[in-house]
Protein backbone atom coordinates (compact mmCIF):
# COMPACT_ATOMS: atom_id res chain seq x y z
CA MET A 1 -12.19 6.39 8.38
CA LYS A 2 -8.55 6.81 7.41
CA ASP A 3 -8.12 10.13 9.22
CA LEU A 4 -9.76 8.72 12.33
CA LEU A 5 -7.46 5.70 12.32
CA ILE A 6 -4.37 7.94 11.96
CA ASP A 7 -5.57 10.11 14.89
CA ILE A 8 -6.02 7.02 17.06
CA ILE A 9 -2.66 5.50 16.06
CA SER A 10 -0.94 8.76 16.97
CA GLU A 11 -2.56 8.79 20.40
CA ILE A 12 -1.82 5.11 21.07
CA LEU A 13 1.81 5.28 20.01
CA LYS A 14 2.30 8.78 21.41
CA VAL A 15 4.20 10.03 18.37
CA PRO A 16 3.51 12.73 15.82
CA ILE A 17 2.31 11.50 12.44
CA GLU A 18 2.83 13.18 9.08
CA ARG A 19 -0.20 12.75 6.83
CA ASP A 20 0.08 12.49 3.06
CA LYS A 21 3.85 12.13 3.31
CA THR A 22 5.90 12.24 0.14
CA PHE A 23 9.38 10.72 0.03
CA GLU A 24 12.10 11.09 -2.57
CA TRP A 25 11.22 7.57 -3.78
CA SER A 26 7.48 8.28 -4.00
CA LYS A 27 7.42 8.31 -7.78
CA ILE A 28 6.46 5.89 -10.54
CA THR A 29 9.49 5.57 -12.77
CA GLN A 30 11.54 2.95 -14.55
CA TYR A 31 13.58 1.43 -11.71
CA ASN A 32 17.27 0.66 -12.07
CA LYS A 33 19.18 -2.23 -10.54
CA ILE A 34 21.33 0.00 -8.32
CA ASP A 35 18.34 1.77 -6.78
CA VAL A 36 16.32 -1.35 -5.91
CA ARG A 37 19.31 -3.56 -5.01
CA VAL A 38 18.15 -6.80 -3.32
CA TYR A 39 14.72 -6.52 -4.90
CA HIS A 40 15.79 -6.24 -8.52
CA ASP A 41 14.32 -9.61 -9.55
CA LEU A 42 11.06 -8.85 -7.74
CA PHE A 43 10.77 -5.39 -9.38
CA SER A 44 11.33 -7.05 -12.76
CA LYS A 45 8.57 -9.63 -12.16
CA VAL A 46 6.10 -7.04 -10.82
CA TYR A 47 6.61 -4.62 -13.70
CA SER A 48 6.18 -7.47 -16.15
CA THR A 49 3.08 -8.83 -14.42
CA LEU A 50 1.44 -5.42 -14.40
CA GLY A 51 2.15 -4.89 -18.08
CA VAL A 52 4.24 -1.81 -17.53
CA ASP A 53 5.30 -0.24 -20.80
CA SER A 54 8.85 0.92 -20.07
CA SER A 55 8.86 3.16 -23.16
CA MET A 56 5.88 5.14 -21.83
CA ILE A 57 6.35 5.06 -18.09
CA GLY A 58 8.22 8.32 -18.12
CA LYS A 59 5.12 9.99 -19.55
CA ILE A 60 2.75 9.02 -16.75
CA HIS A 61 0.44 11.82 -15.67
CA LYS A 62 1.13 12.74 -12.02
CA PRO A 63 3.92 10.19 -11.37
CA TYR A 64 4.47 11.39 -7.79
CA PHE A 65 2.34 9.98 -5.04
CA SER A 66 2.00 10.39 -1.28
CA CYS A 67 1.78 7.80 1.45
CA ASP A 68 -1.28 7.95 3.73
CA ALA A 69 0.95 8.68 6.72
CA TYR A 70 4.44 8.42 8.11
CA VAL A 71 4.75 7.34 11.77
CA GLY A 72 7.97 8.73 13.13
CA GLY A 73 10.16 8.28 16.17
CA SER A 74 11.42 4.78 16.87
CA PHE A 75 8.49 3.36 14.92
CA ASN A 76 9.67 4.84 11.59
CA PHE A 77 7.09 3.26 9.28
CA VAL A 78 4.70 4.11 6.45
CA PHE A 79 1.01 3.59 7.23
CA GLU A 80 -1.51 2.74 4.52
CA PHE A 81 -5.25 2.18 4.60
CA ASP A 82 -6.63 -0.09 1.88
CA THR A 83 -10.24 -0.11 0.69
CA LEU A 84 -12.21 -2.48 -1.54
CA ILE A 85 -10.88 -1.05 -4.85
CA ASP A 86 -7.35 -1.94 -3.78
CA PHE A 87 -8.14 -5.67 -3.71
CA CYS A 88 -8.11 -6.16 -7.48
CA THR A 89 -6.75 -8.93 -9.71
CA HIS A 90 -3.50 -6.97 -10.32
CA ARG A 91 -2.99 -6.76 -6.56
CA GLU A 92 -3.54 -10.48 -6.10
CA ASN A 93 -1.06 -11.33 -8.85
CA THR A 94 1.54 -8.94 -7.44
CA LEU A 95 1.17 -10.15 -3.84
CA ASN A 96 1.73 -13.70 -5.06
CA LEU A 97 5.18 -12.61 -6.25
CA TYR A 98 6.29 -11.23 -2.87
CA GLU A 99 9.33 -13.10 -1.56
CA GLY A 100 10.26 -14.03 1.97
CA ASN A 101 12.77 -11.19 2.25
CA LEU A 102 10.09 -8.55 1.56
CA LYS A 103 8.88 -8.08 5.07
CA THR A 104 5.61 -6.24 5.66
CA HIS A 105 3.60 -5.45 8.76
CA TYR A 106 0.42 -6.98 7.39
CA ASP A 107 -0.62 -10.54 6.57
CA ILE A 108 0.02 -11.02 2.87
CA ASP A 109 -2.02 -14.24 2.79
CA LYS A 110 -4.97 -12.39 4.33
CA TRP A 111 -4.62 -9.64 1.70
CA ILE A 112 -4.59 -12.26 -1.07
CA SER A 113 -7.76 -13.81 0.36
CA TYR A 114 -9.45 -10.38 0.29
CA CYS A 115 -8.43 -10.06 -3.38
CA ARG A 116 -10.04 -13.37 -4.16
CA ILE A 117 -13.27 -12.24 -2.51
CA TYR A 118 -13.48 -8.68 -3.86
CA LYS A 119 -11.50 -8.60 -7.15
CA VAL A 120 -14.54 -8.87 -9.40
CA GLN A 121 -15.95 -5.70 -7.83
CA ALA A 122 -12.58 -3.99 -7.59
CA ASP A 123 -11.73 -4.64 -11.24
CA GLN A 124 -14.79 -2.70 -12.36
CA TYR A 125 -13.48 0.58 -10.90
CA GLN A 126 -12.34 2.85 -13.71
CA LYS A 127 -11.91 -0.30 -15.82
CA ASN A 128 -11.55 1.35 -19.18
CA GLN A 129 -9.49 4.41 -18.18
CA LYS A 130 -6.29 4.61 -20.24
CA ILE A 131 -3.07 5.30 -18.36
CA ASN A 132 0.24 6.05 -20.01
CA GLY A 133 2.78 3.40 -19.19
CA PHE A 134 0.24 0.63 -18.51
CA ASN A 135 -1.28 -1.72 -21.05
CA PRO A 136 -5.13 -1.81 -21.10
CA PRO A 137 -7.53 -2.91 -19.76
CA ASN A 138 -7.47 -1.93 -16.07
CA GLY A 139 -4.55 0.43 -16.45
CA LYS A 140 -5.79 2.44 -13.47
CA SER A 141 -5.77 -0.54 -11.10
CA ALA A 142 -2.34 -1.59 -12.43
CA LYS A 143 -1.02 1.92 -11.62
CA ARG A 144 -2.56 1.74 -8.17
CA THR A 145 -1.09 -1.71 -7.57
CA LEU A 146 2.37 -0.57 -8.64
CA ILE A 147 2.20 2.30 -6.17
CA ASP A 148 1.21 -0.13 -3.42
CA PHE A 149 4.16 -2.35 -4.34
CA ILE A 150 6.58 0.55 -4.23
CA LYS A 151 5.22 1.54 -0.79
CA ASP A 152 5.91 -2.01 0.40
CA ALA A 153 9.36 -2.44 -1.16
CA TYR A 154 11.09 0.90 -0.82
CA PRO A 155 10.93 1.30 2.97
CA LYS A 156 13.51 -1.46 3.48
CA ILE A 157 15.70 -0.02 0.72
CA GLU A 158 15.48 3.43 2.40
CA ASN A 159 16.02 2.13 5.97
CA LEU A 160 12.43 2.51 7.16
CA ASN A 161 10.64 -0.24 9.05
CA PRO A 162 8.15 -2.40 7.10
CA THR A 163 4.93 -0.81 5.89
CA VAL A 164 1.92 -1.20 8.16
CA ARG A 165 -1.40 -1.68 6.35
CA PHE A 166 -4.93 -1.68 7.72
CA CYS A 167 -7.90 -2.38 5.53
CA GLU A 168 -11.55 -1.48 5.74
CA PHE A 169 -12.52 -5.13 6.46
CA GLU A 170 -10.40 -5.14 9.62
CA VAL A 171 -11.94 -2.04 11.11
CA MET A 172 -15.64 -2.53 10.51
CA LYS A 173 -16.28 -2.36 14.29
CA VAL A 174 -14.83 1.15 14.47
CA ASN A 175 -17.54 3.71 15.23
CA VAL A 176 -16.90 6.61 12.89
CA ASN A 177 -19.81 8.54 14.39
CA ASP A 178 -18.16 8.82 17.82
CA LYS A 179 -14.45 9.51 17.61
CA ARG A 180 -13.98 9.15 21.35
CA ASP A 181 -15.60 5.73 21.54
CA LYS A 182 -13.20 3.67 23.66
CA SER A 183 -13.95 0.55 21.69
CA ASN A 184 -12.35 2.22 18.68
CA TYR A 185 -9.06 2.41 20.52
CA LYS A 186 -9.30 -1.24 21.49
CA VAL A 187 -9.79 -2.31 17.87
CA VAL A 188 -6.83 -0.24 16.62
CA GLU A 189 -4.60 -1.20 19.54
CA GLU A 190 -5.20 -4.92 18.92
CA LEU A 191 -4.45 -4.49 15.21
CA LEU A 192 -1.24 -2.60 15.93
CA ARG A 193 -0.10 -5.24 18.40
CA GLU A 194 -0.82 -7.98 15.88
CA LYS A 195 0.97 -6.23 13.01
CA LEU A 196 3.97 -4.91 14.90
CA SER A 197 4.71 -8.14 16.78
């Protein structure tokens, strides 16, 4: 589904898209006040809420991560596709911390409502997996949530436009069996119009 959506977005916006894009900031690390600037208080709250162990965060296995896609040209934004496992309790708690100056191109209240619906299921995914830098249980979902937060916060710091997120519950009408189905383009075009307005 993700690859199909990226293909359609590229055609609709008529711009090349870099898949699995890694930026200099695409790394889980102990932030510092100078780097995160206006979001310092928010970073502090998020790291605390997720139970990040600052003494261990430098020892995280595979600290670098990629974004699903980067949409270039005048659009200049990161694109992410969220699935059920992303709507966990950690995500809900973190989204509730977002401040008015953290602009995103997705409806945070809608994302919180998805968390409330699906968090019981999402929390079961790799529930007992231990992750350096994150206090158990659910260290895996805490790490995933921190990555999502970084993808939302750093674009403004790095002069990108706000992150655009789609989720699987918004694109259920997309026909993955027929990539050229015109109705697919209509669904994606309407979502882009809604999110970029």
